[in-house]
Amino acid sequence: MKKIFRILAASLAAVMLMSGTAFGARALGGAYVFEEETGPGTGAAASTPAVLSADQEALRDELIKATEQANSLTTYEADFDMYMAIGINGVRLMNMNGTGDLAYDSTNKADPKVNMSFDMVMDDGTSVLGESRMNAYFGGGYYYVDSDGVKQKMPMDISQMMTQPTFSGDSVAQSVGMMRDFKLTEENGIRTISYSYDVSQLQSLTDQVLGQVLGGTDFQGLMEGIDMDFEVAGCDGSMSLGADGSLVGENVSMLMRYSISAEGETIEMELPMFINYTFTSIGQPVSMPVIDPAQYTEIPTGGAYPEV
């Protein structure tokens, strides 16, 4: 069971990076590369566009413009708060509430860097089970995670994706085309556009993004002795825009299901997750931690996951 929960922790940052269209695209430098199919745009997957009213078309176009603008960012910082729960075989075991910060720098496109630090409090609905601090860092072709002093690293080169023609023009329109049920609220000069996703299309995109992030593999072959199937069961979110149309904040709510088999046992895991981002700095220099690779135990892709 220890292996199963450790692989869940290792996958959390990857899931967070693809959570939300604009945020995921920025965190990977515009890295959504659609499989070659019959749709318009650069390698964009074909999809059946939703029939929208004139008002909803206007909101969709506003999100396309904001996403294109966001994708052009090379540096930013954001605060985030998140909620996540774990249910196993139909029983809710744990709630997790956390806060943290994120820094992104793709000034050097050959070596983009992303750093996330967050504190998590875990409870069973009646009492606190524990507290944890985690730092996740992407850079130099590796993903480094420090979970309460347990330091591990995994090959994960996101720089290759940044050199490909990706997520611009029609590709953005294709991705926003997966969104449905646009709604607008306004408060204190901030326009918030909410939406839901077509889950089947989002699942296809998620599989592609995670496959790219994990170096051309998927969860099924990521670690020896562990089989995992991943499903996006539901997703909706919102983007908050300033008076000039720039992105101020974003949130995403997602329901994920895992079927995990390891060491002769299988569990069905359900994870509802909510993440809210507020951008604190855009276009300014950011500070990244100094990582000593020698302090981290390597988890080779396709290799055995070490016990800790």
C-alpha atoms as a PDB file:
ATOM      1  CA  MET A   1       0.000   0.000   0.000  1.00  0.00           C
ATOM      2  CA  LYS A   2       2.910   2.354   0.655  1.00  0.00           C
ATOM      3  CA  LYS A   3       3.865   2.226  -3.026  1.00  0.00           C
ATOM      4  CA  ILE A   4       0.347   3.102  -4.095  1.00  0.00           C
ATOM      5  CA  PHE A   5       0.182   6.236  -1.960  1.00  0.00           C
ATOM      6  CA  ARG A   6       3.694   7.315  -2.989  1.00  0.00           C
ATOM      7  CA  ILE A   7       2.855   7.101  -6.682  1.00  0.00           C
ATOM      8  CA  LEU A   8      -0.226   9.206  -5.983  1.00  0.00           C
ATOM      9  CA  ALA A   9       1.971  11.921  -4.454  1.00  0.00           C
ATOM     10  CA  ALA A  10       4.357  11.763  -7.392  1.00  0.00           C
ATOM     11  CA  SER A  11       1.516  12.204  -9.891  1.00  0.00           C
ATOM     12  CA  LEU A  12      -0.082  15.159  -8.070  1.00  0.00           C
ATOM     13  CA  ALA A  13       2.160  17.840  -9.596  1.00  0.00           C
ATOM     14  CA  ALA A  14       1.617  16.474 -13.098  1.00  0.00           C
ATOM     15  CA  VAL A  15      -2.141  16.584 -12.578  1.00  0.00           C
ATOM     16  CA  MET A  16      -1.918  20.111 -11.178  1.00  0.00           C
ATOM     17  CA  LEU A  17       0.045  21.275 -14.211  1.00  0.00           C
ATOM     18  CA  MET A  18      -2.627  20.191 -16.638  1.00  0.00           C
ATOM     19  CA  SER A  19      -5.502  21.420 -14.466  1.00  0.00           C
ATOM     20  CA  GLY A  20      -7.202  24.282 -16.243  1.00  0.00           C
ATOM     21  CA  THR A  21      -6.593  25.213 -19.862  1.00  0.00           C
ATOM     22  CA  ALA A  22      -4.729  28.495 -19.526  1.00  0.00           C
ATOM     23  CA  PHE A  23      -2.791  27.516 -16.397  1.00  0.00           C
ATOM     24  CA  GLY A  24      -1.723  24.162 -17.788  1.00  0.00           C
ATOM     25  CA  ALA A  25      -0.599  25.704 -21.059  1.00  0.00           C
ATOM     26  CA  ARG A  26       1.505  28.337 -19.311  1.00  0.00           C
ATOM     27  CA  ALA A  27       3.058  25.920 -16.845  1.00  0.00           C
ATOM     28  CA  LEU A  28       4.277  23.790 -19.741  1.00  0.00           C
ATOM     29  CA  GLY A  29       5.128  26.701 -22.000  1.00  0.00           C
ATOM     30  CA  GLY A  30       2.176  26.122 -24.323  1.00  0.00           C
ATOM     31  CA  ALA A  31       2.734  22.377 -24.373  1.00  0.00           C
ATOM     32  CA  TYR A  32      -0.577  20.895 -25.420  1.00  0.00           C
ATOM     33  CA  VAL A  33       0.198  19.060 -28.671  1.00  0.00           C
ATOM     34  CA  PHE A  34      -2.948  17.529 -30.100  1.00  0.00           C
ATOM     35  CA  GLU A  35      -2.640  14.200 -31.892  1.00  0.00           C
ATOM     36  CA  GLU A  36      -2.682  14.382 -35.682  1.00  0.00           C
ATOM     37  CA  GLU A  37      -6.317  14.010 -36.710  1.00  0.00           C
ATOM     38  CA  THR A  38      -8.709  15.756 -39.066  1.00  0.00           C
ATOM     39  CA  GLY A  39      -9.438  18.961 -37.214  1.00  0.00           C
ATOM     40  CA  PRO A  40      -8.235  22.440 -38.227  1.00  0.00           C
ATOM     41  CA  GLY A  41      -5.120  24.042 -36.797  1.00  0.00           C
ATOM     42  CA  THR A  42      -1.660  22.713 -36.053  1.00  0.00           C
ATOM     43  CA  GLY A  43      -2.221  19.055 -35.243  1.00  0.00           C
ATOM     44  CA  ALA A  44      -5.532  19.902 -33.589  1.00  0.00           C
ATOM     45  CA  ALA A  45      -7.847  17.033 -32.739  1.00  0.00           C
ATOM     46  CA  ALA A  46     -11.175  17.010 -34.500  1.00  0.00           C
ATOM     47  CA  SER A  47     -14.213  17.746 -32.338  1.00  0.00           C
ATOM     48  CA  THR A  48     -17.861  18.603 -32.766  1.00  0.00           C
ATOM     49  CA  PRO A  49     -18.283  22.249 -31.746  1.00  0.00           C
ATOM     50  CA  ALA A  50     -21.024  23.098 -29.296  1.00  0.00           C
ATOM     51  CA  VAL A  51     -23.966  25.146 -30.536  1.00  0.00           C
ATOM     52  CA  LEU A  52     -23.677  28.439 -28.676  1.00  0.00           C
ATOM     53  CA  SER A  53     -25.810  31.529 -28.383  1.00  0.00           C
ATOM     54  CA  ALA A  54     -24.363  34.847 -29.486  1.00  0.00           C
ATOM     55  CA  ASP A  55     -23.639  35.787 -25.862  1.00  0.00           C
ATOM     56  CA  GLN A  56     -21.868  32.494 -25.204  1.00  0.00           C
ATOM     57  CA  GLU A  57     -19.839  32.842 -28.401  1.00  0.00           C
ATOM     58  CA  ALA A  58     -18.676  36.250 -27.176  1.00  0.00           C
ATOM     59  CA  LEU A  59     -17.590  34.742 -23.831  1.00  0.00           C
ATOM     60  CA  ARG A  60     -15.809  31.887 -25.619  1.00  0.00           C
ATOM     61  CA  ASP A  61     -13.936  34.362 -27.819  1.00  0.00           C
ATOM     62  CA  GLU A  62     -12.935  36.335 -24.719  1.00  0.00           C
ATOM     63  CA  LEU A  63     -11.456  33.168 -23.190  1.00  0.00           C
ATOM     64  CA  ILE A  64      -9.574  32.389 -26.415  1.00  0.00           C
ATOM     65  CA  LYS A  65      -8.010  35.855 -26.387  1.00  0.00           C
ATOM     66  CA  ALA A  66      -7.090  35.616 -22.689  1.00  0.00           C
ATOM     67  CA  THR A  67      -5.573  32.159 -23.175  1.00  0.00           C
ATOM     68  CA  GLU A  68      -3.470  33.276 -26.152  1.00  0.00           C
ATOM     69  CA  GLN A  69      -2.280  36.246 -24.099  1.00  0.00           C
ATOM     70  CA  ALA A  70      -1.483  34.003 -21.138  1.00  0.00           C
ATOM     71  CA  ASN A  71       0.446  31.552 -23.318  1.00  0.00           C
ATOM     72  CA  SER A  72       2.847  34.312 -24.323  1.00  0.00           C
ATOM     73  CA  LEU A  73       3.986  34.855 -20.721  1.00  0.00           C
ATOM     74  CA  THR A  74       7.573  33.871 -19.916  1.00  0.00           C
ATOM     75  CA  THR A  75       7.519  34.574 -16.162  1.00  0.00           C
ATOM     76  CA  TYR A  76       4.843  34.730 -13.498  1.00  0.00           C
ATOM     77  CA  GLU A  77       4.110  33.914  -9.869  1.00  0.00           C
ATOM     78  CA  ALA A  78       0.835  32.835  -8.315  1.00  0.00           C
ATOM     79  CA  ASP A  79      -0.644  31.856  -4.979  1.00  0.00           C
ATOM     80  CA  PHE A  80      -3.015  28.938  -4.844  1.00  0.00           C
ATOM     81  CA  ASP A  81      -5.274  27.129  -2.431  1.00  0.00           C
ATOM     82  CA  MET A  82      -6.571  23.658  -3.002  1.00  0.00           C
ATOM     83  CA  TYR A  83      -8.861  21.000  -1.651  1.00  0.00           C
ATOM     84  CA  MET A  84      -8.479  17.318  -2.399  1.00  0.00           C
ATOM     85  CA  ALA A  85     -10.072  14.184  -0.982  1.00  0.00           C
ATOM     86  CA  ILE A  86      -9.265  10.490  -1.244  1.00  0.00           C
ATOM     87  CA  GLY A  87     -11.890   7.794  -1.399  1.00  0.00           C
ATOM     88  CA  ILE A  88     -10.975   4.141  -1.741  1.00  0.00           C
ATOM     89  CA  ASN A  89     -13.435   1.450  -2.766  1.00  0.00           C
ATOM     90  CA  GLY A  90     -16.356   3.781  -2.118  1.00  0.00           C
ATOM     91  CA  VAL A  91     -15.222   4.978   1.332  1.00  0.00           C
ATOM     92  CA  ARG A  92     -14.028   8.575   1.924  1.00  0.00           C
ATOM     93  CA  LEU A  93     -10.779   8.221   3.856  1.00  0.00           C
ATOM     94  CA  MET A  94      -9.217  11.642   3.922  1.00  0.00           C
ATOM     95  CA  ASN A  95      -9.684  15.336   3.154  1.00  0.00           C
ATOM     96  CA  MET A  96      -6.682  17.493   2.292  1.00  0.00           C
ATOM     97  CA  ASN A  97      -6.643  21.285   2.387  1.00  0.00           C
ATOM     98  CA  GLY A  98      -3.571  23.173   1.266  1.00  0.00           C
ATOM     99  CA  THR A  99      -2.124  26.542   0.338  1.00  0.00           C
ATOM    100  CA  GLY A 100       0.964  27.281  -1.648  1.00  0.00           C
ATOM    101  CA  ASP A 101       2.766  29.316  -4.252  1.00  0.00           C
ATOM    102  CA  LEU A 102       4.010  28.734  -7.766  1.00  0.00           C
ATOM    103  CA  ALA A 103       6.779  30.302  -9.857  1.00  0.00           C
ATOM    104  CA  TYR A 104       7.282  29.829 -13.591  1.00  0.00           C
ATOM    105  CA  ASP A 105      10.186  30.941 -15.804  1.00  0.00           C
ATOM    106  CA  SER A 106      10.573  30.005 -19.464  1.00  0.00           C
ATOM    107  CA  THR A 107      12.981  32.824 -20.327  1.00  0.00           C
ATOM    108  CA  ASN A 108      15.408  30.063 -21.330  1.00  0.00           C
ATOM    109  CA  LYS A 109      13.147  27.900 -23.503  1.00  0.00           C
ATOM    110  CA  ALA A 110      15.807  25.171 -23.549  1.00  0.00           C
ATOM    111  CA  ASP A 111      15.392  24.799 -19.783  1.00  0.00           C
ATOM    112  CA  PRO A 112      12.011  26.038 -18.512  1.00  0.00           C
ATOM    113  CA  LYS A 113      11.568  25.962 -14.747  1.00  0.00           C
ATOM    114  CA  VAL A 114       8.479  25.498 -12.598  1.00  0.00           C
ATOM    115  CA  ASN A 115       8.462  25.433  -8.796  1.00  0.00           C
ATOM    116  CA  MET A 116       5.522  24.673  -6.509  1.00  0.00           C
ATOM    117  CA  SER A 117       5.570  24.706  -2.708  1.00  0.00           C
ATOM    118  CA  PHE A 118       2.547  23.947  -0.585  1.00  0.00           C
ATOM    119  CA  ASP A 119       1.455  23.014   2.914  1.00  0.00           C
ATOM    120  CA  MET A 120      -1.253  20.418   3.387  1.00  0.00           C
ATOM    121  CA  VAL A 121      -3.473  19.587   6.365  1.00  0.00           C
ATOM    122  CA  MET A 122      -5.154  16.167   6.314  1.00  0.00           C
ATOM    123  CA  ASP A 123      -8.297  15.200   8.259  1.00  0.00           C
ATOM    124  CA  ASP A 124     -10.874  12.423   8.319  1.00  0.00           C
ATOM    125  CA  GLY A 125     -13.823  14.786   8.700  1.00  0.00           C
ATOM    126  CA  THR A 126     -13.673  14.915  12.486  1.00  0.00           C
ATOM    127  CA  SER A 127     -10.011  15.243  13.485  1.00  0.00           C
ATOM    128  CA  VAL A 128      -6.661  16.268  12.019  1.00  0.00           C
ATOM    129  CA  LEU A 129      -4.635  13.295  10.809  1.00  0.00           C
ATOM    130  CA  GLY A 130      -1.439  15.129  10.017  1.00  0.00           C
ATOM    131  CA  GLU A 131       0.297  17.974   8.242  1.00  0.00           C
ATOM    132  CA  SER A 132       2.695  17.834   5.321  1.00  0.00           C
ATOM    133  CA  ARG A 133       4.904  20.182   3.318  1.00  0.00           C
ATOM    134  CA  MET A 134       5.795  19.417  -0.277  1.00  0.00           C
ATOM    135  CA  ASN A 135       7.982  21.099  -2.859  1.00  0.00           C
ATOM    136  CA  ALA A 136       7.862  20.125  -6.529  1.00  0.00           C
ATOM    137  CA  TYR A 137      10.398  21.475  -9.014  1.00  0.00           C
ATOM    138  CA  PHE A 138      10.733  20.980 -12.764  1.00  0.00           C
ATOM    139  CA  GLY A 139      14.063  21.890 -14.384  1.00  0.00           C
ATOM    140  CA  GLY A 140      17.126  20.469 -16.089  1.00  0.00           C
ATOM    141  CA  GLY A 141      15.116  17.603 -17.580  1.00  0.00           C
ATOM    142  CA  TYR A 142      13.941  16.326 -14.184  1.00  0.00           C
ATOM    143  CA  TYR A 143      10.999  16.515 -11.813  1.00  0.00           C
ATOM    144  CA  TYR A 144      12.172  16.831  -8.181  1.00  0.00           C
ATOM    145  CA  VAL A 145       9.819  16.313  -5.268  1.00  0.00           C
ATOM    146  CA  ASP A 146      10.607  16.874  -1.598  1.00  0.00           C
ATOM    147  CA  SER A 147       7.813  15.525   0.595  1.00  0.00           C
ATOM    148  CA  ASP A 148       8.572  16.188   4.269  1.00  0.00           C
ATOM    149  CA  GLY A 149      12.282  15.647   3.641  1.00  0.00           C
ATOM    150  CA  VAL A 150      11.864  12.539   1.453  1.00  0.00           C
ATOM    151  CA  LYS A 151      13.589  13.651  -1.752  1.00  0.00           C
ATOM    152  CA  GLN A 152      13.055  11.867  -5.055  1.00  0.00           C
ATOM    153  CA  LYS A 153      13.544  12.729  -8.707  1.00  0.00           C
ATOM    154  CA  MET A 154      12.270  11.451 -12.029  1.00  0.00           C
ATOM    155  CA  PRO A 155      13.374  12.168 -15.628  1.00  0.00           C
ATOM    156  CA  MET A 156      10.776  14.541 -17.077  1.00  0.00           C
ATOM    157  CA  ASP A 157      11.949  16.757 -19.914  1.00  0.00           C
ATOM    158  CA  ILE A 158       9.399  19.447 -20.727  1.00  0.00           C
ATOM    159  CA  SER A 159      11.838  21.510 -22.816  1.00  0.00           C
ATOM    160  CA  GLN A 160      11.285  19.325 -25.911  1.00  0.00           C
ATOM    161  CA  MET A 161       7.612  20.248 -25.944  1.00  0.00           C
ATOM    162  CA  MET A 162       8.404  23.953 -25.944  1.00  0.00           C
ATOM    163  CA  THR A 163      10.176  23.709 -29.305  1.00  0.00           C
ATOM    164  CA  GLN A 164       7.126  22.237 -31.062  1.00  0.00           C
ATOM    165  CA  PRO A 165       4.403  24.254 -32.803  1.00  0.00           C
ATOM    166  CA  THR A 166       1.764  24.090 -30.103  1.00  0.00           C
ATOM    167  CA  PHE A 167      -1.319  25.580 -28.537  1.00  0.00           C
ATOM    168  CA  SER A 168      -1.727  28.751 -30.535  1.00  0.00           C
ATOM    169  CA  GLY A 169      -4.169  30.030 -33.129  1.00  0.00           C
ATOM    170  CA  ASP A 170      -6.747  27.407 -34.018  1.00  0.00           C
ATOM    171  CA  SER A 171      -5.317  25.042 -31.373  1.00  0.00           C
ATOM    172  CA  VAL A 172      -6.479  27.403 -28.628  1.00  0.00           C
ATOM    173  CA  ALA A 173      -9.885  27.627 -30.245  1.00  0.00           C
ATOM    174  CA  GLN A 174     -10.006  23.819 -30.391  1.00  0.00           C
ATOM    175  CA  SER A 175      -9.237  23.524 -26.683  1.00  0.00           C
ATOM    176  CA  VAL A 176     -11.711  26.203 -25.647  1.00  0.00           C
ATOM    177  CA  GLY A 177     -14.112  24.372 -27.959  1.00  0.00           C
ATOM    178  CA  MET A 178     -14.174  21.587 -25.352  1.00  0.00           C
ATOM    179  CA  MET A 179     -15.822  24.029 -22.920  1.00  0.00           C
ATOM    180  CA  ARG A 180     -19.574  24.279 -22.427  1.00  0.00           C
ATOM    181  CA  ASP A 181     -22.159  26.305 -20.463  1.00  0.00           C
ATOM    182  CA  PHE A 182     -20.369  29.665 -20.371  1.00  0.00           C
ATOM    183  CA  LYS A 183     -21.606  32.078 -17.692  1.00  0.00           C
ATOM    184  CA  LEU A 184     -20.471  35.593 -16.762  1.00  0.00           C
ATOM    185  CA  THR A 185     -20.401  37.358 -13.388  1.00  0.00           C
ATOM    186  CA  GLU A 186     -18.865  40.765 -12.641  1.00  0.00           C
ATOM    187  CA  GLU A 187     -17.654  42.201  -9.344  1.00  0.00           C
ATOM    188  CA  ASN A 188     -15.337  45.138  -8.571  1.00  0.00           C
ATOM    189  CA  GLY A 189     -14.298  45.447 -12.204  1.00  0.00           C
ATOM    190  CA  ILE A 190     -13.347  41.751 -12.481  1.00  0.00           C
ATOM    191  CA  ARG A 191     -15.146  39.664 -15.109  1.00  0.00           C
ATOM    192  CA  THR A 192     -15.357  35.961 -14.215  1.00  0.00           C
ATOM    193  CA  ILE A 193     -16.296  33.522 -16.948  1.00  0.00           C
ATOM    194  CA  SER A 194     -17.239  30.046 -15.750  1.00  0.00           C
ATOM    195  CA  TYR A 195     -17.546  26.927 -17.895  1.00  0.00           C
ATOM    196  CA  SER A 196     -17.679  23.132 -17.870  1.00  0.00           C
ATOM    197  CA  TYR A 197     -15.721  20.666 -20.026  1.00  0.00           C
ATOM    198  CA  ASP A 198     -16.817  17.991 -22.448  1.00  0.00           C
ATOM    199  CA  VAL A 199     -15.365  15.135 -20.388  1.00  0.00           C
ATOM    200  CA  SER A 200     -14.656  12.719 -23.257  1.00  0.00           C
ATOM    201  CA  GLN A 201     -12.625  15.338 -25.128  1.00  0.00           C
ATOM    202  CA  LEU A 202     -10.836  16.417 -21.953  1.00  0.00           C
ATOM    203  CA  GLN A 203      -9.894  12.799 -21.215  1.00  0.00           C
ATOM    204  CA  SER A 204      -8.262  12.470 -24.629  1.00  0.00           C
ATOM    205  CA  LEU A 205      -6.314  15.700 -24.130  1.00  0.00           C
ATOM    206  CA  THR A 206      -5.301  14.724 -20.598  1.00  0.00           C
ATOM    207  CA  ASP A 207      -3.924  11.401 -21.814  1.00  0.00           C
ATOM    208  CA  GLN A 208      -1.826  13.221 -24.407  1.00  0.00           C
ATOM    209  CA  VAL A 209      -0.506  15.864 -21.984  1.00  0.00           C
ATOM    210  CA  LEU A 210       0.450  13.333 -19.320  1.00  0.00           C
ATOM    211  CA  GLY A 211       2.034  11.154 -21.983  1.00  0.00           C
ATOM    212  CA  GLN A 212       4.214  14.070 -23.081  1.00  0.00           C
ATOM    213  CA  VAL A 213       5.095  15.088 -19.530  1.00  0.00           C
ATOM    214  CA  LEU A 214       6.009  11.509 -18.636  1.00  0.00           C
ATOM    215  CA  GLY A 215       8.353  11.146 -21.598  1.00  0.00           C
ATOM    216  CA  GLY A 216       6.178   9.330 -24.101  1.00  0.00           C
ATOM    217  CA  THR A 217       4.674   6.800 -21.719  1.00  0.00           C
ATOM    218  CA  ASP A 218       1.513   6.710 -19.637  1.00  0.00           C
ATOM    219  CA  PHE A 219       0.653   5.720 -16.081  1.00  0.00           C
ATOM    220  CA  GLN A 220       0.234   2.109 -17.182  1.00  0.00           C
ATOM    221  CA  GLY A 221       3.947   1.647 -17.894  1.00  0.00           C
ATOM    222  CA  LEU A 222       5.371   4.317 -15.629  1.00  0.00           C
ATOM    223  CA  MET A 223       6.598   2.084 -12.824  1.00  0.00           C
ATOM    224  CA  GLU A 224       7.430  -1.589 -12.750  1.00  0.00           C
ATOM    225  CA  GLY A 225       4.901  -3.724 -10.886  1.00  0.00           C
ATOM    226  CA  ILE A 226       2.212  -1.025 -10.785  1.00  0.00           C
ATOM    227  CA  ASP A 227      -0.724  -0.788 -13.205  1.00  0.00           C
ATOM    228  CA  MET A 228      -2.832   2.351 -13.143  1.00  0.00           C
ATOM    229  CA  ASP A 229      -5.831   3.502 -15.177  1.00  0.00           C
ATOM    230  CA  PHE A 230      -6.726   7.191 -14.924  1.00  0.00           C
ATOM    231  CA  GLU A 231     -10.124   8.739 -15.728  1.00  0.00           C
ATOM    232  CA  VAL A 232     -11.331  12.340 -15.681  1.00  0.00           C
ATOM    233  CA  ALA A 233     -14.935  11.919 -14.521  1.00  0.00           C
ATOM    234  CA  GLY A 234     -15.882  15.612 -14.457  1.00  0.00           C
ATOM    235  CA  CYS A 235     -14.367  19.079 -14.723  1.00  0.00           C
ATOM    236  CA  ASP A 236     -15.463  22.701 -14.621  1.00  0.00           C
ATOM    237  CA  GLY A 237     -13.760  25.976 -13.863  1.00  0.00           C
ATOM    238  CA  SER A 238     -13.556  29.711 -14.368  1.00  0.00           C
ATOM    239  CA  MET A 239     -11.180  32.454 -15.456  1.00  0.00           C
ATOM    240  CA  SER A 240     -11.175  35.933 -13.925  1.00  0.00           C
ATOM    241  CA  LEU A 241     -10.164  38.795 -16.216  1.00  0.00           C
ATOM    242  CA  GLY A 242      -9.147  42.357 -15.474  1.00  0.00           C
ATOM    243  CA  ALA A 243     -10.439  45.464 -17.230  1.00  0.00           C
ATOM    244  CA  ASP A 244      -7.785  45.042 -19.950  1.00  0.00           C
ATOM    245  CA  GLY A 245      -8.764  41.400 -20.549  1.00  0.00           C
ATOM    246  CA  SER A 246      -5.666  39.984 -18.865  1.00  0.00           C
ATOM    247  CA  LEU A 247      -5.876  36.903 -16.649  1.00  0.00           C
ATOM    248  CA  VAL A 248      -6.154  37.716 -12.935  1.00  0.00           C
ATOM    249  CA  GLY A 249      -7.029  34.303 -11.536  1.00  0.00           C
ATOM    250  CA  GLU A 250      -8.326  30.880 -12.397  1.00  0.00           C
ATOM    251  CA  ASN A 251      -9.918  27.931 -10.685  1.00  0.00           C
ATOM    252  CA  VAL A 252     -10.698  24.394 -11.687  1.00  0.00           C
ATOM    253  CA  SER A 253     -12.774  21.663 -10.061  1.00  0.00           C
ATOM    254  CA  MET A 254     -12.067  18.117 -11.201  1.00  0.00           C
ATOM    255  CA  LEU A 255     -13.195  14.611 -10.305  1.00  0.00           C
ATOM    256  CA  MET A 256     -10.567  11.940 -11.048  1.00  0.00           C
ATOM    257  CA  ARG A 257     -10.770   8.175 -10.706  1.00  0.00           C
ATOM    258  CA  TYR A 258      -7.844   5.756 -10.534  1.00  0.00           C
ATOM    259  CA  SER A 259      -7.800   1.985 -10.663  1.00  0.00           C
ATOM    260  CA  ILE A 260      -4.461   0.916  -9.191  1.00  0.00           C
ATOM    261  CA  SER A 261      -3.042  -2.603  -9.015  1.00  0.00           C
ATOM    262  CA  ALA A 262       0.172  -3.416  -7.195  1.00  0.00           C
ATOM    263  CA  GLU A 263       1.614  -6.293  -5.213  1.00  0.00           C
ATOM    264  CA  GLY A 264      -1.367  -8.547  -5.922  1.00  0.00           C
ATOM    265  CA  GLU A 265      -4.067  -6.097  -4.856  1.00  0.00           C
ATOM    266  CA  THR A 266      -6.304  -3.610  -6.659  1.00  0.00           C
ATOM    267  CA  ILE A 267      -7.973  -0.515  -5.293  1.00  0.00           C
ATOM    268  CA  GLU A 268     -10.484   1.857  -6.859  1.00  0.00           C
ATOM    269  CA  MET A 269      -9.582   5.407  -5.883  1.00  0.00           C
ATOM    270  CA  GLU A 270     -11.686   8.550  -6.347  1.00  0.00           C
ATOM    271  CA  LEU A 271     -10.183  12.026  -6.006  1.00  0.00           C
ATOM    272  CA  PRO A 272     -12.295  15.190  -6.127  1.00  0.00           C
ATOM    273  CA  MET A 273      -9.997  18.220  -6.383  1.00  0.00           C
ATOM    274  CA  PHE A 274     -10.427  21.992  -6.427  1.00  0.00           C
ATOM    275  CA  ILE A 275      -7.595  24.451  -7.138  1.00  0.00           C
ATOM    276  CA  ASN A 276      -7.818  28.247  -7.159  1.00  0.00           C
ATOM    277  CA  TYR A 277      -4.968  30.402  -8.536  1.00  0.00           C
ATOM    278  CA  THR A 278      -4.414  34.123  -7.988  1.00  0.00           C
ATOM    279  CA  PHE A 279      -1.593  35.681  -9.985  1.00  0.00           C
ATOM    280  CA  THR A 280       0.650  37.914  -7.915  1.00  0.00           C
ATOM    281  CA  SER A 281       3.312  38.806 -10.498  1.00  0.00           C
ATOM    282  CA  ILE A 282       3.372  38.692 -14.292  1.00  0.00           C
ATOM    283  CA  GLY A 283       6.397  39.439 -16.467  1.00  0.00           C
ATOM    284  CA  GLN A 284       8.744  40.108 -13.540  1.00  0.00           C
ATOM    285  CA  PRO A 285      11.921  38.183 -12.614  1.00  0.00           C
ATOM    286  CA  VAL A 286      11.191  35.171 -10.393  1.00  0.00           C
ATOM    287  CA  SER A 287      13.349  33.395  -7.836  1.00  0.00           C
ATOM    288  CA  MET A 288      13.886  29.649  -8.159  1.00  0.00           C
ATOM    289  CA  PRO A 289      15.317  27.300  -5.501  1.00  0.00           C
ATOM    290  CA  VAL A 290      18.787  25.837  -5.904  1.00  0.00           C
ATOM    291  CA  ILE A 291      18.380  22.086  -6.366  1.00  0.00           C
ATOM    292  CA  ASP A 292      21.194  19.663  -5.504  1.00  0.00           C
ATOM    293  CA  PRO A 293      20.420  16.549  -7.617  1.00  0.00           C
ATOM    294  CA  ALA A 294      22.757  14.447  -5.455  1.00  0.00           C
ATOM    295  CA  GLN A 295      20.324  14.760  -2.547  1.00  0.00           C
ATOM    296  CA  TYR A 296      17.491  13.111  -4.512  1.00  0.00           C
ATOM    297  CA  THR A 297      16.914   9.387  -5.081  1.00  0.00           C
ATOM    298  CA  GLU A 298      16.158   8.728  -8.738  1.00  0.00           C
ATOM    299  CA  ILE A 299      12.971   6.978  -9.818  1.00  0.00           C
ATOM    300  CA  PRO A 300      13.776   5.774 -13.352  1.00  0.00           C
ATOM    301  CA  THR A 301      10.864   5.753 -15.789  1.00  0.00           C
ATOM    302  CA  GLY A 302       9.701   2.177 -16.066  1.00  0.00           C
ATOM    303  CA  GLY A 303      11.879   1.222 -13.112  1.00  0.00           C
ATOM    304  CA  ALA A 304      11.117  -0.032  -9.644  1.00  0.00           C
ATOM    305  CA  TYR A 305       9.640   2.506  -7.247  1.00  0.00           C
ATOM    306  CA  PRO A 306      11.864   2.634  -4.152  1.00  0.00           C
ATOM    307  CA  GLU A 307      10.466   2.005  -0.702  1.00  0.00           C
ATOM    308  CA  VAL A 308      10.902   4.892   1.758  1.00  0.00           C
END
